[in-house]
Amino acid sequence: MSEIKKELYSTIKNTMIPEVESYIEDLHKTIENKEHTEETLEEVRDMESFLVELQNILLAIDENKLEDAQAEEIYEKIQNLINEHKEDKVEE
């Protein structure tokens, strides 16, 4: 497995999936407490779809169906998401 695929796999498995799962749990708690809006419900659907996409990327790497160039592109997008999230937290 190439270095970029290892980095991508690690970032998705150890950072992205736990973060997304945690956020989905928080959204479900909001719904359980009847504090949700239609936007909350839409956010749950979006995040669950995103989680499936992340899991599919891991599967593609495991099955060697992802080219290095694709892995590089996805990795850069994920790093941008992580950086944006960090910047949002700093602003709060």
Protein backbone atom coordinates (compact mmCIF):
# COMPACT_ATOMS: atom_id res chain seq x y z
CA MET A 1 0.00 0.00 0.00
CA SER A 2 1.35 3.42 -0.93
CA GLU A 3 2.16 6.03 1.69
CA ILE A 4 -0.72 8.31 0.63
CA LYS A 5 -3.20 5.45 0.96
CA LYS A 6 -1.84 4.63 4.42
CA GLU A 7 -2.19 8.27 5.47
CA LEU A 8 -5.69 8.51 4.03
CA TYR A 9 -6.76 5.24 5.65
CA SER A 10 -5.38 6.28 9.02
CA THR A 11 -6.95 9.73 8.89
CA ILE A 12 -10.36 8.37 7.96
CA LYS A 13 -10.29 5.51 10.46
CA ASN A 14 -8.77 7.35 13.41
CA THR A 15 -10.04 10.90 12.96
CA MET A 16 -12.92 11.32 10.55
CA ILE A 17 -15.11 8.33 11.40
CA PRO A 18 -14.94 8.86 15.18
CA GLU A 19 -15.68 12.59 14.75
CA VAL A 20 -18.62 11.95 12.41
CA GLU A 21 -20.03 9.23 14.67
CA SER A 22 -19.76 11.52 17.68
CA TYR A 23 -21.52 14.34 15.84
CA ILE A 24 -24.30 11.99 14.73
CA GLU A 25 -24.74 10.89 18.35
CA ASP A 26 -25.05 14.53 19.42
CA LEU A 27 -27.65 15.13 16.73
CA HIS A 28 -29.60 12.07 17.86
CA LYS A 29 -29.57 13.39 21.44
CA THR A 30 -30.96 16.69 20.18
CA ILE A 31 -33.75 14.77 18.44
CA GLU A 32 -34.43 12.62 21.51
CA ASN A 33 -34.74 15.77 23.61
CA LYS A 34 -37.21 17.14 21.06
CA GLU A 35 -34.99 20.17 20.48
CA HIS A 36 -34.53 19.54 16.78
CA THR A 37 -35.54 21.41 13.69
CA GLU A 38 -35.98 20.22 10.13
CA GLU A 39 -32.37 21.29 9.56
CA THR A 40 -31.26 18.92 12.33
CA LEU A 41 -32.99 16.00 10.62
CA GLU A 42 -31.39 16.93 7.32
CA GLU A 43 -28.00 17.20 9.01
CA VAL A 44 -28.40 13.66 10.40
CA ARG A 45 -29.13 12.33 6.91
CA ASP A 46 -26.17 14.21 5.44
CA MET A 47 -23.77 13.02 8.13
CA GLU A 48 -24.94 9.42 7.87
CA SER A 49 -24.35 9.57 4.10
CA PHE A 50 -20.92 11.06 4.70
CA LEU A 51 -20.13 8.25 7.15
CA VAL A 52 -21.05 5.67 4.51
CA GLU A 53 -18.83 7.47 1.98
CA LEU A 54 -15.91 7.34 4.41
CA GLN A 55 -16.49 3.64 5.01
CA ASN A 56 -16.61 3.06 1.25
CA ILE A 57 -13.25 4.79 0.84
CA LEU A 58 -11.74 2.44 3.43
CA LEU A 59 -13.24 -0.51 1.57
CA ALA A 60 -11.86 0.76 -1.75
CA ILE A 61 -8.40 1.02 -0.20
CA ASP A 62 -8.69 -2.47 1.32
CA GLU A 63 -9.71 -3.89 -2.06
CA ASN A 64 -6.99 -1.90 -3.88
CA LYS A 65 -9.60 -0.14 -6.02
CA LEU A 66 -8.34 3.37 -5.35
CA GLU A 67 -5.55 4.93 -7.41
CA ASP A 68 -2.87 6.99 -5.68
CA ALA A 69 -4.02 10.13 -7.48
CA GLN A 70 -7.57 9.62 -6.21
CA ALA A 71 -6.27 8.94 -2.71
CA GLU A 72 -4.21 12.15 -2.84
CA GLU A 73 -7.23 14.19 -3.93
CA ILE A 74 -9.46 12.73 -1.22
CA TYR A 75 -6.75 13.18 1.39
CA GLU A 76 -6.38 16.87 0.50
CA LYS A 77 -10.14 17.40 0.74
CA ILE A 78 -10.27 15.70 4.12
CA GLN A 79 -7.34 17.77 5.40
CA ASN A 80 -9.19 20.91 4.29
CA LEU A 81 -12.29 19.75 6.19
CA ILE A 82 -10.21 19.09 9.30
CA ASN A 83 -8.54 22.49 9.06
CA GLU A 84 -11.88 24.27 8.56
CA HIS A 85 -13.28 22.44 11.58
CA LYS A 86 -10.30 23.52 13.71
CA GLU A 87 -10.74 27.13 12.56
CA ASP A 88 -14.45 27.01 13.42
CA LYS A 89 -13.64 25.75 16.92
CA VAL A 90 -11.12 28.54 17.45
CA GLU A 91 -13.70 31.16 16.46
CA GLU A 92 -16.23 29.81 19.01
